[in-house]
PDB file of N, CA and C in Angstrom:
ATOM      1  N   UNK A   1      94.216 173.709   1.304  1.00  0.00           N
ATOM      2  CA  UNK A   1      94.688 173.088   2.520  1.00  0.00           C
ATOM      3  C   UNK A   1      95.196 171.698   2.193  1.00  0.00           C
ATOM      4  N   UNK A   2      96.311 171.322   2.748  1.00  0.00           N
ATOM      5  CA  UNK A   2      96.921 170.030   2.487  1.00  0.00           C
ATOM      6  C   UNK A   2      96.730 169.118   3.686  1.00  0.00           C
ATOM      7  N   UNK A   3      96.393 167.863   3.446  1.00  0.00           N
ATOM      8  CA  UNK A   3      96.215 166.888   4.510  1.00  0.00           C
ATOM      9  C   UNK A   3      97.357 165.899   4.507  1.00  0.00           C
ATOM     10  N   UNK A   4      97.628 165.337   5.659  1.00  0.00           N
ATOM     11  CA  UNK A   4      98.625 164.295   5.769  1.00  0.00           C
ATOM     12  C   UNK A   4      98.087 163.009   5.157  1.00  0.00           C
ATOM     13  N   UNK A   5      98.964 162.112   4.678  1.00  0.00           N
ATOM     14  CA  UNK A   5      98.499 160.840   4.133  1.00  0.00           C
ATOM     15  C   UNK A   5      97.690 160.075   5.179  1.00  0.00           C
ATOM     16  N   UNK A   6      96.551 159.561   4.776  1.00  0.00           N
ATOM     17  CA  UNK A   6      95.692 158.815   5.677  1.00  0.00           C
ATOM     18  C   UNK A   6      94.803 159.686   6.535  1.00  0.00           C
ATOM     19  N   UNK A   7      94.976 160.995   6.460  1.00  0.00           N
ATOM     20  CA  UNK A   7      94.170 161.915   7.247  1.00  0.00           C
ATOM     21  C   UNK A   7      92.897 162.220   6.482  1.00  0.00           C
ATOM     22  N   UNK A   8      91.778 162.315   7.186  1.00  0.00           N
ATOM     23  CA  UNK A   8      90.535 162.667   6.515  1.00  0.00           C
ATOM     24  C   UNK A   8      89.761 163.637   7.371  1.00  0.00           C
ATOM     25  N   UNK A   9      88.848 164.345   6.761  1.00  0.00           N
ATOM     26  CA  UNK A   9      88.036 165.311   7.492  1.00  0.00           C
ATOM     27  C   UNK A   9      86.974 164.636   8.339  1.00  0.00           C
ATOM     28  N   UNK A  10      86.782 163.337   8.214  1.00  0.00           N
ATOM     29  CA  UNK A  10      85.747 162.636   8.948  1.00  0.00           C
ATOM     30  C   UNK A  10      86.258 161.966  10.209  1.00  0.00           C
ATOM     31  N   UNK A  11      87.507 162.187  10.594  1.00  0.00           N
ATOM     32  CA  UNK A  11      88.061 161.491  11.750  1.00  0.00           C
ATOM     33  C   UNK A  11      87.370 161.891  13.049  1.00  0.00           C
ATOM     34  N   UNK A  12      86.753 163.066  13.107  1.00  0.00           N
ATOM     35  CA  UNK A  12      86.059 163.490  14.305  1.00  0.00           C
ATOM     36  C   UNK A  12      84.590 163.131  14.298  1.00  0.00           C
ATOM     37  N   UNK A  13      84.123 162.473  13.257  1.00  0.00           N
ATOM     38  CA  UNK A  13      82.711 162.155  13.197  1.00  0.00           C
ATOM     39  C   UNK A  13      82.416 160.844  13.902  1.00  0.00           C
ATOM     40  N   UNK A  14      81.198 160.729  14.345  1.00  0.00           N
ATOM     41  CA  UNK A  14      80.751 159.571  15.094  1.00  0.00           C
ATOM     42  C   UNK A  14      79.773 158.792  14.234  1.00  0.00           C
ATOM     43  N   UNK A  15      79.989 157.503  14.100  1.00  0.00           N
ATOM     44  CA  UNK A  15      79.052 156.673  13.349  1.00  0.00           C
ATOM     45  C   UNK A  15      77.999 156.151  14.309  1.00  0.00           C
ATOM     46  N   UNK A  16      76.765 156.486  14.042  1.00  0.00           N
ATOM     47  CA  UNK A  16      75.661 156.069  14.881  1.00  0.00           C
ATOM     48  C   UNK A  16      75.045 154.789  14.338  1.00  0.00           C
ATOM     49  N   UNK A  17      74.513 153.920  15.230  1.00  0.00           N
ATOM     50  CA  UNK A  17      73.897 152.677  14.765  1.00  0.00           C
ATOM     51  C   UNK A  17      72.774 152.951  13.774  1.00  0.00           C
ATOM     52  N   UNK A  18      72.730 152.157  12.734  1.00  0.00           N
ATOM     53  CA  UNK A  18      71.672 152.280  11.742  1.00  0.00           C
ATOM     54  C   UNK A  18      71.935 153.310  10.667  1.00  0.00           C
ATOM     55  N   UNK A  19      73.091 153.961  10.670  1.00  0.00           N
ATOM     56  CA  UNK A  19      73.394 154.940   9.632  1.00  0.00           C
ATOM     57  C   UNK A  19      74.343 154.330   8.626  1.00  0.00           C
ATOM     58  N   UNK A  20      74.162 154.694   7.381  1.00  0.00           N
ATOM     59  CA  UNK A  20      74.983 154.140   6.318  1.00  0.00           C
ATOM     60  C   UNK A  20      76.360 154.791   6.284  1.00  0.00           C
ATOM     61  N   UNK A  21      76.440 156.057   6.635  1.00  0.00           N
ATOM     62  CA  UNK A  21      77.698 156.782   6.583  1.00  0.00           C
ATOM     63  C   UNK A  21      77.927 157.517   7.894  1.00  0.00           C
ATOM     64  N   UNK A  22      79.171 157.907   8.125  1.00  0.00           N
ATOM     65  CA  UNK A  22      79.491 158.692   9.305  1.00  0.00           C
ATOM     66  C   UNK A  22      79.168 160.156   9.007  1.00  0.00           C
ATOM     67  N   UNK A  23      77.889 160.515   9.093  1.00  0.00           N
ATOM     68  CA  UNK A  23      77.462 161.853   8.723  1.00  0.00           C
ATOM     69  C   UNK A  23      77.209 162.744   9.938  1.00  0.00           C
ATOM     70  N   UNK A  24      77.301 162.190  11.132  1.00  0.00           N
ATOM     71  CA  UNK A  24      77.056 162.961  12.341  1.00  0.00           C
ATOM     72  C   UNK A  24      78.382 163.290  13.004  1.00  0.00           C
ATOM     73  N   UNK A  25      78.571 164.556  13.275  1.00  0.00           N
ATOM     74  CA  UNK A  25      79.800 165.014  13.902  1.00  0.00           C
ATOM     75  C   UNK A  25      79.618 164.987  15.407  1.00  0.00           C
ATOM     76  N   UNK A  26      80.625 164.521  16.144  1.00  0.00           N
ATOM     77  CA  UNK A  26      80.540 164.446  17.596  1.00  0.00           C
ATOM     78  C   UNK A  26      81.600 165.297  18.259  1.00  0.00           C
ATOM     79  N   UNK A  27      81.240 165.920  19.379  1.00  0.00           N
ATOM     80  CA  UNK A  27      82.170 166.740  20.146  1.00  0.00           C
ATOM     81  C   UNK A  27      83.178 165.824  20.839  1.00  0.00           C
ATOM     82  N   UNK A  28      84.459 166.134  20.708  1.00  0.00           N
ATOM     83  CA  UNK A  28      85.515 165.329  21.315  1.00  0.00           C
ATOM     84  C   UNK A  28      85.557 165.494  22.832  1.00  0.00           C
ATOM     85  N   UNK A  29      84.932 166.529  23.356  1.00  0.00           N
ATOM     86  CA  UNK A  29      84.970 166.808  24.799  1.00  0.00           C
ATOM     87  C   UNK A  29      83.774 166.217  25.534  1.00  0.00           C
ATOM     88  N   UNK A  30      82.553 166.501  25.068  1.00  0.00           N
ATOM     89  CA  UNK A  30      81.356 166.068  25.798  1.00  0.00           C
ATOM     90  C   UNK A  30      80.555 164.989  25.074  1.00  0.00           C
ATOM     91  N   UNK A  31      80.850 164.748  23.795  1.00  0.00           N
ATOM     92  CA  UNK A  31      80.157 163.699  23.054  1.00  0.00           C
ATOM     93  C   UNK A  31      78.868 164.136  22.378  1.00  0.00           C
ATOM     94  N   UNK A  32      78.500 165.400  22.489  1.00  0.00           N
ATOM     95  CA  UNK A  32      77.307 165.911  21.826  1.00  0.00           C
ATOM     96  C   UNK A  32      77.414 165.660  20.327  1.00  0.00           C
ATOM     97  N   UNK A  33      76.331 165.205  19.709  1.00  0.00           N
ATOM     98  CA  UNK A  33      76.343 164.992  18.265  1.00  0.00           C
ATOM     99  C   UNK A  33      75.516 166.066  17.579  1.00  0.00           C
ATOM    100  N   UNK A  34      75.918 166.406  16.377  1.00  0.00           N
ATOM    101  CA  UNK A  34      75.216 167.408  15.584  1.00  0.00           C
ATOM    102  C   UNK A  34      74.393 166.690  14.523  1.00  0.00           C
ATOM    103  N   UNK A  35      73.133 167.009  14.456  1.00  0.00           N
ATOM    104  CA  UNK A  35      72.258 166.441  13.437  1.00  0.00           C
ATOM    105  C   UNK A  35      72.241 167.358  12.228  1.00  0.00           C
ATOM    106  N   UNK A  36      71.921 166.793  11.086  1.00  0.00           N
ATOM    107  CA  UNK A  36      71.820 167.597   9.869  1.00  0.00           C
ATOM    108  C   UNK A  36      73.173 167.843   9.251  1.00  0.00           C
ATOM    109  N   UNK A  37      73.309 168.963   8.550  1.00  0.00           N
ATOM    110  CA  UNK A  37      74.577 169.265   7.875  1.00  0.00           C
ATOM    111  C   UNK A  37      75.692 169.511   8.895  1.00  0.00           C
ATOM    112  N   UNK A  38      76.931 169.306   8.460  1.00  0.00           N
ATOM    113  CA  UNK A  38      78.071 169.484   9.345  1.00  0.00           C
ATOM    114  C   UNK A  38      78.127 170.915   9.858  1.00  0.00           C
ATOM    115  N   UNK A  39      78.174 171.087  11.195  1.00  0.00           N
ATOM    116  CA  UNK A  39      78.226 172.441  11.759  1.00  0.00           C
ATOM    117  C   UNK A  39      79.619 173.043  11.603  1.00  0.00           C
ATOM    118  N   UNK A  40      79.733 174.295  11.912  1.00  0.00           N
ATOM    119  CA  UNK A  40      81.021 174.990  11.830  1.00  0.00           C
ATOM    120  C   UNK A  40      81.643 175.032  13.219  1.00  0.00           C
ATOM    121  N   UNK A  41      81.933 173.867  13.770  1.00  0.00           N
ATOM    122  CA  UNK A  41      82.553 173.763  15.085  1.00  0.00           C
ATOM    123  C   UNK A  41      84.047 173.974  14.976  1.00  0.00           C
ATOM    124  N   UNK A  42      84.679 174.486  16.044  1.00  0.00           N
ATOM    125  CA  UNK A  42      86.140 174.607  16.045  1.00  0.00           C
ATOM    126  C   UNK A  42      86.781 173.224  15.940  1.00  0.00           C
ATOM    127  N   UNK A  43      87.898 173.172  15.258  1.00  0.00           N
ATOM    128  CA  UNK A  43      88.610 171.912  15.048  1.00  0.00           C
ATOM    129  C   UNK A  43      90.037 172.064  15.550  1.00  0.00           C
ATOM    130  N   UNK A  44      90.524 171.041  16.219  1.00  0.00           N
ATOM    131  CA  UNK A  44      91.895 171.029  16.713  1.00  0.00           C
ATOM    132  C   UNK A  44      92.547 169.729  16.260  1.00  0.00           C
ATOM    133  N   UNK A  45      93.772 169.807  15.760  1.00  0.00           N
ATOM    134  CA  UNK A  45      94.505 168.606  15.375  1.00  0.00           C
ATOM    135  C   UNK A  45      95.512 168.316  16.476  1.00  0.00           C
ATOM    136  N   UNK A  46      95.321 167.189  17.148  1.00  0.00           N
ATOM    137  CA  UNK A  46      96.188 166.778  18.241  1.00  0.00           C
ATOM    138  C   UNK A  46      96.686 165.368  17.973  1.00  0.00           C
ATOM    139  N   UNK A  47      97.997 165.196  17.946  1.00  0.00           N
ATOM    140  CA  UNK A  47      98.609 163.892  17.676  1.00  0.00           C
ATOM    141  C   UNK A  47      98.103 163.286  16.373  1.00  0.00           C
ATOM    142  N   UNK A  48      97.886 164.129  15.364  1.00  0.00           N
ATOM    143  CA  UNK A  48      97.464 163.671  14.052  1.00  0.00           C
ATOM    144  C   UNK A  48      95.989 163.346  13.934  1.00  0.00           C
ATOM    145  N   UNK A  49      95.202 163.636  14.949  1.00  0.00           N
ATOM    146  CA  UNK A  49      93.769 163.350  14.938  1.00  0.00           C
ATOM    147  C   UNK A  49      92.987 164.648  15.022  1.00  0.00           C
ATOM    148  N   UNK A  50      91.963 164.781  14.166  1.00  0.00           N
ATOM    149  CA  UNK A  50      91.105 165.965  14.217  1.00  0.00           C
ATOM    150  C   UNK A  50      90.083 165.800  15.331  1.00  0.00           C
ATOM    151  N   UNK A  51      89.983 166.806  16.179  1.00  0.00           N
ATOM    152  CA  UNK A  51      88.994 166.839  17.250  1.00  0.00           C
ATOM    153  C   UNK A  51      88.099 168.039  17.021  1.00  0.00           C
ATOM    154  N   UNK A  52      86.782 167.817  17.022  1.00  0.00           N
ATOM    155  CA  UNK A  52      85.816 168.890  16.871  1.00  0.00           C
ATOM    156  C   UNK A  52      85.177 169.141  18.227  1.00  0.00           C
ATOM    157  N   UNK A  53      84.888 170.426  18.528  1.00  0.00           N
ATOM    158  CA  UNK A  53      84.302 170.802  19.802  1.00  0.00           C
ATOM    159  C   UNK A  53      83.021 171.588  19.574  1.00  0.00           C
ATOM    160  N   UNK A  54      81.958 171.208  20.308  1.00  0.00           N
ATOM    161  CA  UNK A  54      80.659 171.879  20.173  1.00  0.00           C
ATOM    162  C   UNK A  54      80.774 173.322  20.673  1.00  0.00           C
ATOM    163  N   UNK A  55      79.743 174.097  20.424  1.00  0.00           N
ATOM    164  CA  UNK A  55      79.755 175.507  20.805  1.00  0.00           C
ATOM    165  C   UNK A  55      79.918 175.695  22.311  1.00  0.00           C
ATOM    166  N   UNK A  56      79.250 174.862  23.106  1.00  0.00           N
ATOM    167  CA  UNK A  56      79.333 174.999  24.567  1.00  0.00           C
ATOM    168  C   UNK A  56      80.742 174.739  25.076  1.00  0.00           C
ATOM    169  N   UNK A  57      81.358 173.651  24.617  1.00  0.00           N
ATOM    170  CA  UNK A  57      82.719 173.321  25.055  1.00  0.00           C
ATOM    171  C   UNK A  57      83.724 174.348  24.550  1.00  0.00           C
ATOM    172  N   UNK A  58      83.535 174.818  23.323  1.00  0.00           N
ATOM    173  CA  UNK A  58      84.444 175.817  22.766  1.00  0.00           C
ATOM    174  C   UNK A  58      84.356 177.122  23.550  1.00  0.00           C
ATOM    175  N   UNK A  59      83.150 177.550  23.898  1.00  0.00           N
ATOM    176  CA  UNK A  59      82.996 178.794  24.660  1.00  0.00           C
ATOM    177  C   UNK A  59      83.590 178.672  26.056  1.00  0.00           C
ATOM    178  N   UNK A  60      83.418 177.519  26.688  1.00  0.00           N
ATOM    179  CA  UNK A  60      83.925 177.323  28.039  1.00  0.00           C
ATOM    180  C   UNK A  60      85.457 177.276  28.073  1.00  0.00           C
ATOM    181  N   UNK A  61      86.080 176.928  26.955  1.00  0.00           N
ATOM    182  CA  UNK A  61      87.530 176.741  26.919  1.00  0.00           C
ATOM    183  C   UNK A  61      88.216 177.595  25.862  1.00  0.00           C
ATOM    184  N   UNK A  62      87.630 178.739  25.531  1.00  0.00           N
ATOM    185  CA  UNK A  62      88.134 179.553  24.429  1.00  0.00           C
ATOM    186  C   UNK A  62      89.573 180.027  24.648  1.00  0.00           C
ATOM    187  N   UNK A  63      89.952 180.360  25.870  1.00  0.00           N
ATOM    188  CA  UNK A  63      91.321 180.818  26.126  1.00  0.00           C
ATOM    189  C   UNK A  63      92.332 179.712  25.885  1.00  0.00           C
ATOM    190  N   UNK A  64      92.010 178.487  26.282  1.00  0.00           N
ATOM    191  CA  UNK A  64      92.910 177.356  26.058  1.00  0.00           C
ATOM    192  C   UNK A  64      93.004 177.030  24.566  1.00  0.00           C
ATOM    193  N   UNK A  65      91.881 177.155  23.853  1.00  0.00           N
ATOM    194  CA  UNK A  65      91.879 176.898  22.411  1.00  0.00           C
ATOM    195  C   UNK A  65      92.739 177.934  21.704  1.00  0.00           C
ATOM    196  N   UNK A  66      92.545 179.200  22.024  1.00  0.00           N
ATOM    197  CA  UNK A  66      93.332 180.261  21.393  1.00  0.00           C
ATOM    198  C   UNK A  66      94.805 180.171  21.768  1.00  0.00           C
ATOM    199  N   UNK A  67      95.103 179.648  22.957  1.00  0.00           N
ATOM    200  CA  UNK A  67      96.483 179.457  23.389  1.00  0.00           C
ATOM    201  C   UNK A  67      97.098 178.189  22.815  1.00  0.00           C
ATOM    202  N   UNK A  68      96.310 177.477  22.022  1.00  0.00           N
ATOM    203  CA  UNK A  68      96.745 176.237  21.362  1.00  0.00           C
ATOM    204  C   UNK A  68      97.196 175.154  22.333  1.00  0.00           C
ATOM    205  N   UNK A  69      96.540 175.097  23.489  1.00  0.00           N
ATOM    206  CA  UNK A  69      96.827 174.027  24.441  1.00  0.00           C
ATOM    207  C   UNK A  69      96.087 172.766  24.003  1.00  0.00           C
ATOM    208  N   UNK A  70      96.710 171.598  24.185  1.00  0.00           N
ATOM    209  CA  UNK A  70      96.014 170.350  23.898  1.00  0.00           C
ATOM    210  C   UNK A  70      94.805 170.239  24.825  1.00  0.00           C
ATOM    211  N   UNK A  71      93.764 169.563  24.369  1.00  0.00           N
ATOM    212  CA  UNK A  71      92.534 169.450  25.154  1.00  0.00           C
ATOM    213  C   UNK A  71      92.759 168.713  26.473  1.00  0.00           C
ATOM    214  N   UNK A  72      93.816 167.942  26.595  1.00  0.00           N
ATOM    215  CA  UNK A  72      94.118 167.275  27.858  1.00  0.00           C
ATOM    216  C   UNK A  72      94.402 168.292  28.980  1.00  0.00           C
ATOM    217  N   UNK A  73      94.835 169.500  28.621  1.00  0.00           N
ATOM    218  CA  UNK A  73      95.139 170.531  29.611  1.00  0.00           C
ATOM    219  C   UNK A  73      93.913 171.290  30.082  1.00  0.00           C
ATOM    220  N   UNK A  74      92.781 171.187  29.385  1.00  0.00           N
ATOM    221  CA  UNK A  74      91.600 171.923  29.800  1.00  0.00           C
ATOM    222  C   UNK A  74      90.948 171.191  30.924  1.00  0.00           C
TER     223      UNK A  74
END
């Protein structure tokens, strides 16, 4: 897989206070954070930014995700 210059896989992660690295992934829709290893959440690239969605948000909006609609339309 090829990435755009300046693009990284950590753009959807949330840095929590007191953590040395951005190791917690956050849902772009509801803000839920995942503890532990990076989960296998669906990822959408919108306007050059990676957005990760938790299982609940992905299930609630699966038709829009499969239709490749931007999350602003959900």
